[in-house]
Amino acid sequence: MRVEVVEGLVLAPETVLADDASGAGWAKELRGLVTRAAAEGRTVRVSVEEQSFTPHEAAGLLGVSRTTVQRWIKCGIIKPITRGTRHHITASEIRRCRQARPGRVLRG
């Protein structure tokens, strides 16, 4: 059996975009991760993914209940991504919903 050890570094957008007077600590941390991997002969893979939220978190961001978000998912107003059996709503989908009806509650 082959076992793959994955070491990771997750950087939130606000961390990367912040004006860091210390010289971008996240960049130093990333460089350290890459340097260690290279010294061990490992490959480094960098990926970018959009931030996503649970229905409960999305409800808070949209100012509605979790039940409403679940109803919107069921009737197609919100298009979730699915991880296993769980729904997640991307940040861009939340923005789209806000722009669709600014200042008004979406009906579903």
N, C-alpha and C. Protein backbone atom coordinates (compact mmCIF):
# COMPACT_ATOMS: atom_id res chain seq x y z
N MET A 1 0.84 -1.18 0.00
CA MET A 1 0.00 0.00 0.00
C MET A 1 0.89 1.25 0.00
N ARG A 2 0.55 2.18 -0.85
CA ARG A 2 1.29 3.44 -0.94
C ARG A 2 0.62 4.49 -0.06
N VAL A 3 1.41 5.11 0.78
CA VAL A 3 0.90 6.18 1.65
C VAL A 3 1.56 7.47 1.21
N GLU A 4 0.73 8.47 0.93
CA GLU A 4 1.26 9.76 0.51
C GLU A 4 1.06 10.75 1.65
N VAL A 5 2.14 11.37 2.06
CA VAL A 5 2.06 12.38 3.12
C VAL A 5 1.92 13.73 2.45
N VAL A 6 0.88 14.44 2.81
CA VAL A 6 0.64 15.76 2.22
C VAL A 6 0.78 16.80 3.31
N GLU A 7 1.68 17.72 3.08
CA GLU A 7 1.88 18.85 3.98
C GLU A 7 1.28 20.04 3.27
N GLY A 8 0.50 20.83 3.96
CA GLY A 8 -0.17 21.92 3.28
C GLY A 8 -0.09 23.24 4.00
N LEU A 9 -0.41 24.25 3.27
CA LEU A 9 -0.46 25.61 3.78
C LEU A 9 -1.69 26.24 3.15
N VAL A 10 -2.63 26.66 3.97
CA VAL A 10 -3.85 27.31 3.47
C VAL A 10 -3.77 28.78 3.78
N LEU A 11 -3.93 29.59 2.73
CA LEU A 11 -3.84 31.03 2.88
C LEU A 11 -5.18 31.67 2.55
N ALA A 12 -5.77 32.34 3.50
CA ALA A 12 -7.02 33.05 3.27
C ALA A 12 -6.73 34.32 2.47
N PRO A 13 -7.67 34.74 1.62
CA PRO A 13 -7.43 35.94 0.80
C PRO A 13 -7.04 37.16 1.63
N GLU A 14 -7.68 37.33 2.78
CA GLU A 14 -7.37 38.52 3.59
C GLU A 14 -5.95 38.49 4.12
N THR A 15 -5.39 37.30 4.29
CA THR A 15 -4.01 37.17 4.74
C THR A 15 -3.05 37.64 3.65
N VAL A 16 -3.33 37.22 2.43
CA VAL A 16 -2.45 37.56 1.30
C VAL A 16 -2.58 39.02 0.93
N LEU A 17 -3.79 39.56 1.00
CA LEU A 17 -4.03 40.93 0.57
C LEU A 17 -3.70 41.97 1.62
N ALA A 18 -3.53 41.54 2.87
CA ALA A 18 -3.24 42.49 3.95
C ALA A 18 -1.89 43.16 3.73
N ASP A 19 -1.80 44.40 4.12
CA ASP A 19 -0.54 45.13 4.04
C ASP A 19 0.28 44.72 5.25
N ASP A 20 1.16 43.76 5.06
CA ASP A 20 1.91 43.18 6.17
C ASP A 20 3.26 43.88 6.31
N ALA A 21 3.41 44.64 7.36
CA ALA A 21 4.66 45.38 7.58
C ALA A 21 5.84 44.46 7.86
N SER A 22 5.57 43.22 8.24
CA SER A 22 6.67 42.29 8.57
C SER A 22 7.29 41.65 7.33
N GLY A 23 6.85 42.03 6.17
CA GLY A 23 7.44 41.48 4.95
C GLY A 23 6.75 40.23 4.44
N ALA A 24 5.44 40.21 4.53
CA ALA A 24 4.63 39.11 4.01
C ALA A 24 5.03 37.77 4.62
N GLY A 25 4.64 37.58 5.86
CA GLY A 25 4.93 36.34 6.57
C GLY A 25 4.44 35.10 5.84
N TRP A 26 3.30 35.22 5.14
CA TRP A 26 2.77 34.06 4.41
C TRP A 26 3.74 33.65 3.30
N ALA A 27 4.40 34.61 2.67
CA ALA A 27 5.34 34.29 1.59
C ALA A 27 6.55 33.55 2.13
N LYS A 28 7.02 33.96 3.31
CA LYS A 28 8.15 33.28 3.94
C LYS A 28 7.75 31.85 4.30
N GLU A 29 6.54 31.69 4.81
CA GLU A 29 6.06 30.36 5.18
C GLU A 29 5.93 29.46 3.94
N LEU A 30 5.44 30.03 2.85
CA LEU A 30 5.31 29.28 1.61
C LEU A 30 6.69 28.88 1.07
N ARG A 31 7.61 29.82 1.11
CA ARG A 31 8.97 29.52 0.65
C ARG A 31 9.59 28.39 1.48
N GLY A 32 9.38 28.42 2.79
CA GLY A 32 9.89 27.36 3.66
C GLY A 32 9.30 26.00 3.31
N LEU A 33 8.01 25.96 3.05
CA LEU A 33 7.35 24.72 2.66
C LEU A 33 7.93 24.17 1.36
N VAL A 34 8.11 25.03 0.37
CA VAL A 34 8.65 24.63 -0.92
C VAL A 34 10.11 24.17 -0.77
N THR A 35 10.89 24.88 0.01
CA THR A 35 12.29 24.54 0.22
C THR A 35 12.44 23.17 0.88
N ARG A 36 11.63 22.92 1.93
CA ARG A 36 11.67 21.61 2.61
C ARG A 36 11.28 20.49 1.65
N ALA A 37 10.24 20.72 0.88
CA ALA A 37 9.79 19.69 -0.07
C ALA A 37 10.87 19.40 -1.11
N ALA A 38 11.48 20.44 -1.64
CA ALA A 38 12.53 20.26 -2.65
C ALA A 38 13.71 19.49 -2.07
N ALA A 39 14.09 19.80 -0.84
CA ALA A 39 15.22 19.11 -0.20
C ALA A 39 14.93 17.62 -0.01
N GLU A 40 13.65 17.28 0.12
CA GLU A 40 13.26 15.88 0.29
C GLU A 40 12.92 15.21 -1.04
N GLY A 41 13.09 15.94 -2.15
CA GLY A 41 12.80 15.38 -3.46
C GLY A 41 11.31 15.25 -3.75
N ARG A 42 10.50 15.99 -3.04
CA ARG A 42 9.05 15.93 -3.25
C ARG A 42 8.61 16.99 -4.24
N THR A 43 7.48 16.74 -4.86
CA THR A 43 6.86 17.68 -5.79
C THR A 43 5.96 18.63 -5.01
N VAL A 44 5.92 19.86 -5.44
CA VAL A 44 5.05 20.85 -4.82
C VAL A 44 3.94 21.20 -5.80
N ARG A 45 2.72 21.15 -5.32
CA ARG A 45 1.56 21.48 -6.15
C ARG A 45 0.84 22.64 -5.49
N VAL A 46 0.58 23.70 -6.25
CA VAL A 46 -0.13 24.86 -5.73
C VAL A 46 -1.48 24.91 -6.41
N SER A 47 -2.52 25.08 -5.63
CA SER A 47 -3.86 25.18 -6.23
C SER A 47 -4.59 26.38 -5.64
N VAL A 48 -5.52 26.87 -6.39
CA VAL A 48 -6.32 27.99 -5.97
C VAL A 48 -7.77 27.53 -5.99
N GLU A 49 -8.47 27.77 -4.90
CA GLU A 49 -9.88 27.41 -4.88
C GLU A 49 -10.67 28.55 -4.28
N GLU A 50 -11.90 28.64 -4.72
CA GLU A 50 -12.75 29.71 -4.23
C GLU A 50 -13.25 29.38 -2.82
N GLN A 51 -13.32 30.38 -1.99
CA GLN A 51 -13.84 30.20 -0.64
C GLN A 51 -15.30 29.77 -0.73
N SER A 52 -15.68 28.84 0.12
CA SER A 52 -17.08 28.41 0.13
C SER A 52 -17.58 28.35 1.56
N PHE A 53 -18.90 28.33 1.68
CA PHE A 53 -19.55 28.41 2.97
C PHE A 53 -20.61 27.33 3.11
N THR A 54 -20.85 26.91 4.33
CA THR A 54 -21.95 25.98 4.59
C THR A 54 -23.26 26.75 4.42
N PRO A 55 -24.38 26.05 4.28
CA PRO A 55 -25.66 26.76 4.21
C PRO A 55 -25.89 27.67 5.42
N HIS A 56 -25.47 27.22 6.59
CA HIS A 56 -25.63 28.04 7.80
C HIS A 56 -24.82 29.34 7.68
N GLU A 57 -23.57 29.22 7.23
CA GLU A 57 -22.72 30.41 7.06
C GLU A 57 -23.28 31.32 5.97
N ALA A 58 -23.71 30.72 4.86
CA ALA A 58 -24.28 31.50 3.75
C ALA A 58 -25.52 32.25 4.20
N ALA A 59 -26.33 31.61 5.03
CA ALA A 59 -27.54 32.26 5.55
C ALA A 59 -27.19 33.54 6.31
N GLY A 60 -26.16 33.46 7.14
CA GLY A 60 -25.72 34.64 7.87
C GLY A 60 -25.26 35.75 6.94
N LEU A 61 -24.54 35.39 5.90
CA LEU A 61 -24.04 36.38 4.95
C LEU A 61 -25.16 37.00 4.12
N LEU A 62 -26.22 36.23 3.88
CA LEU A 62 -27.34 36.71 3.07
C LEU A 62 -28.46 37.30 3.91
N GLY A 63 -28.36 37.16 5.23
CA GLY A 63 -29.37 37.73 6.11
C GLY A 63 -30.69 36.98 6.11
N VAL A 64 -30.61 35.67 5.92
CA VAL A 64 -31.81 34.82 5.93
C VAL A 64 -31.53 33.61 6.81
N SER A 65 -32.52 32.73 6.95
CA SER A 65 -32.33 31.53 7.77
C SER A 65 -31.67 30.42 6.95
N ARG A 66 -31.11 29.45 7.66
CA ARG A 66 -30.53 28.29 7.00
C ARG A 66 -31.59 27.52 6.22
N THR A 67 -32.79 27.45 6.76
CA THR A 67 -33.89 26.77 6.07
C THR A 67 -34.20 27.45 4.74
N THR A 68 -34.15 28.77 4.72
CA THR A 68 -34.38 29.51 3.47
C THR A 68 -33.30 29.18 2.45
N VAL A 69 -32.05 29.15 2.89
CA VAL A 69 -30.95 28.81 1.97
C VAL A 69 -31.16 27.40 1.42
N GLN A 70 -31.54 26.46 2.26
CA GLN A 70 -31.79 25.10 1.80
C GLN A 70 -32.95 25.05 0.81
N ARG A 71 -33.98 25.85 1.04
CA ARG A 71 -35.11 25.91 0.11
C ARG A 71 -34.67 26.50 -1.23
N TRP A 72 -33.83 27.55 -1.20
CA TRP A 72 -33.33 28.16 -2.42
C TRP A 72 -32.46 27.17 -3.21
N ILE A 73 -31.69 26.36 -2.49
CA ILE A 73 -30.88 25.33 -3.16
C ILE A 73 -31.81 24.34 -3.86
N LYS A 74 -32.83 23.89 -3.16
CA LYS A 74 -33.76 22.88 -3.69
C LYS A 74 -34.49 23.39 -4.94
N CYS A 75 -34.87 24.68 -4.94
CA CYS A 75 -35.62 25.20 -6.09
C CYS A 75 -34.73 25.86 -7.14
N GLY A 76 -33.40 25.83 -6.95
CA GLY A 76 -32.47 26.29 -7.98
C GLY A 76 -32.10 27.76 -7.94
N ILE A 77 -32.52 28.49 -6.92
CA ILE A 77 -32.14 29.90 -6.82
C ILE A 77 -30.65 30.02 -6.49
N ILE A 78 -30.18 29.14 -5.63
CA ILE A 78 -28.75 29.07 -5.29
C ILE A 78 -28.20 27.77 -5.87
N LYS A 79 -27.07 27.88 -6.55
CA LYS A 79 -26.42 26.70 -7.12
C LYS A 79 -25.22 26.33 -6.25
N PRO A 80 -25.34 25.27 -5.46
CA PRO A 80 -24.25 24.89 -4.56
C PRO A 80 -23.23 24.00 -5.25
N ILE A 81 -22.09 23.84 -4.60
CA ILE A 81 -21.18 22.77 -4.97
C ILE A 81 -21.39 21.69 -3.92
N THR A 82 -21.13 20.46 -4.27
CA THR A 82 -21.37 19.38 -3.34
C THR A 82 -20.05 18.70 -3.01
N ARG A 83 -19.81 18.52 -1.73
CA ARG A 83 -18.64 17.78 -1.25
C ARG A 83 -19.19 16.60 -0.47
N GLY A 84 -19.11 15.43 -1.07
CA GLY A 84 -19.73 14.26 -0.46
C GLY A 84 -21.23 14.44 -0.54
N THR A 85 -21.88 14.47 0.60
CA THR A 85 -23.33 14.69 0.64
C THR A 85 -23.68 16.08 1.16
N ARG A 86 -22.68 16.92 1.34
CA ARG A 86 -22.89 18.26 1.91
C ARG A 86 -22.85 19.34 0.84
N HIS A 87 -23.73 20.31 0.98
CA HIS A 87 -23.74 21.47 0.09
C HIS A 87 -22.84 22.56 0.64
N HIS A 88 -22.17 23.25 -0.27
CA HIS A 88 -21.39 24.43 0.06
C HIS A 88 -21.71 25.48 -0.99
N ILE A 89 -21.73 26.73 -0.58
CA ILE A 89 -22.05 27.83 -1.47
C ILE A 89 -20.80 28.68 -1.62
N THR A 90 -20.40 28.90 -2.87
CA THR A 90 -19.18 29.68 -3.13
C THR A 90 -19.42 31.17 -2.88
N ALA A 91 -18.33 31.87 -2.64
CA ALA A 91 -18.39 33.32 -2.42
C ALA A 91 -18.99 34.01 -3.64
N SER A 92 -18.66 33.55 -4.85
CA SER A 92 -19.21 34.19 -6.05
C SER A 92 -20.71 33.95 -6.17
N GLU A 93 -21.19 32.81 -5.70
CA GLU A 93 -22.63 32.54 -5.72
C GLU A 93 -23.36 33.44 -4.73
N ILE A 94 -22.75 33.68 -3.59
CA ILE A 94 -23.34 34.60 -2.62
C ILE A 94 -23.38 36.01 -3.20
N ARG A 95 -22.30 36.45 -3.86
CA ARG A 95 -22.29 37.77 -4.51
C ARG A 95 -23.38 37.85 -5.57
N ARG A 96 -23.53 36.79 -6.37
CA ARG A 96 -24.55 36.77 -7.42
C ARG A 96 -25.95 36.93 -6.82
N CYS A 97 -26.20 36.23 -5.72
CA CYS A 97 -27.51 36.32 -5.07
C CYS A 97 -27.76 37.72 -4.52
N ARG A 98 -26.74 38.33 -3.97
CA ARG A 98 -26.88 39.70 -3.45
C ARG A 98 -27.16 40.68 -4.57
N GLN A 99 -26.47 40.52 -5.70
CA GLN A 99 -26.64 41.43 -6.83
C GLN A 99 -27.98 41.22 -7.54
N ALA A 100 -28.51 40.01 -7.48
CA ALA A 100 -29.77 39.71 -8.15
C ALA A 100 -30.91 40.53 -7.57
N ARG A 101 -30.86 40.74 -6.28
CA ARG A 101 -31.92 41.49 -5.59
C ARG A 101 -31.33 42.36 -4.50
N PRO A 102 -30.60 43.40 -4.86
CA PRO A 102 -29.98 44.22 -3.81
C PRO A 102 -31.04 44.86 -2.92
N GLY A 103 -30.84 44.71 -1.60
CA GLY A 103 -31.75 45.34 -0.65
C GLY A 103 -33.08 44.63 -0.49
N ARG A 104 -33.31 43.57 -1.27
CA ARG A 104 -34.57 42.84 -1.14
C ARG A 104 -34.28 41.37 -0.87
N VAL A 105 -35.20 40.73 -0.21
CA VAL A 105 -35.07 39.30 0.07
C VAL A 105 -35.41 38.53 -1.19
N LEU A 106 -34.61 37.53 -1.54
CA LEU A 106 -34.92 36.66 -2.67
C LEU A 106 -36.14 35.83 -2.34
N ARG A 107 -36.96 35.57 -3.30
CA ARG A 107 -38.14 34.74 -3.10
C ARG A 107 -37.92 33.41 -3.75
N GLY A 108 -38.31 32.36 -3.08
CA GLY A 108 -38.12 31.03 -3.64
C GLY A 108 -39.20 30.06 -3.29
